[in-house]
Amino acid sequence: MTKRVFLAGLLGGIAMYVWTAIAHMVLPLGEAGIKEIPNEPAVIGTMRSSLGDSSGLYLFPGMGLGPDATSQRKQAAMMQYSQKLAVGPSGIVMYHPPGMQALAPRQFIAEFVKELIEALLAAMLLAQTRLATFASRLGFVVAVGVLAAVGTNVSYWDWYGFPLAYTAAYMTTEIAGFVCVGLVPAALVKPATVR
């Protein structure tokens, strides 16, 4: 990786980090499709008494299978699962026991590192192309962002029923973040024949 590609990735990562901070803290994109639980104390009390200190991602209704279920038991459970879905509620819950810290420094650092890695990878991929114009280089990086946004968010909407407003907002945030990233390497990373 050349210094120019590294600099493009670093500055692109910073640009993406600033954009996502604005998208989540200033704009309503970070809240799109998210609702608060009615009668929250009762629901939380039930979760706490049932889940206790077992942090995790929970899917309901459950299949009712143990860790060593045979393929026959899995097939039978899948038939019952369809019936459970037809007559009862379903969803996913990310549960953490008491003690989480809101807006912890670790979360901000992890987000920046993730966006830095994305920007560095986009700059490295761009450096492998022969795209001669600024617009074509920017379009390439934005296409990488569309790929990233579609690859995760659409599956969550499809398989887990994430709200369409949430899905659209997070895809918009991600794609706009790659526009921010793309502006930097599109200006700095040029093929050898263009330099």
Foldseek 3Di string as FASTA:
>chain_A
DDPLLLVLLLQLLVLLLVLLCCLCPPNCLVVWQDDDDPVVVVVVVVCCVVCPQPFDKDWPPDLPDDPPDDPVSVVVSVVVVVVCVVPHDIAMDGDHHPDDDPPDPVVSVVSSVVSSVLLSVLSVVLLPDQDQALVVQLVSQLVVQLCVLCVPLVCCCVPGVRDPRSSVSSSVSSSVSSSSSSNRSSVRRHHPVND
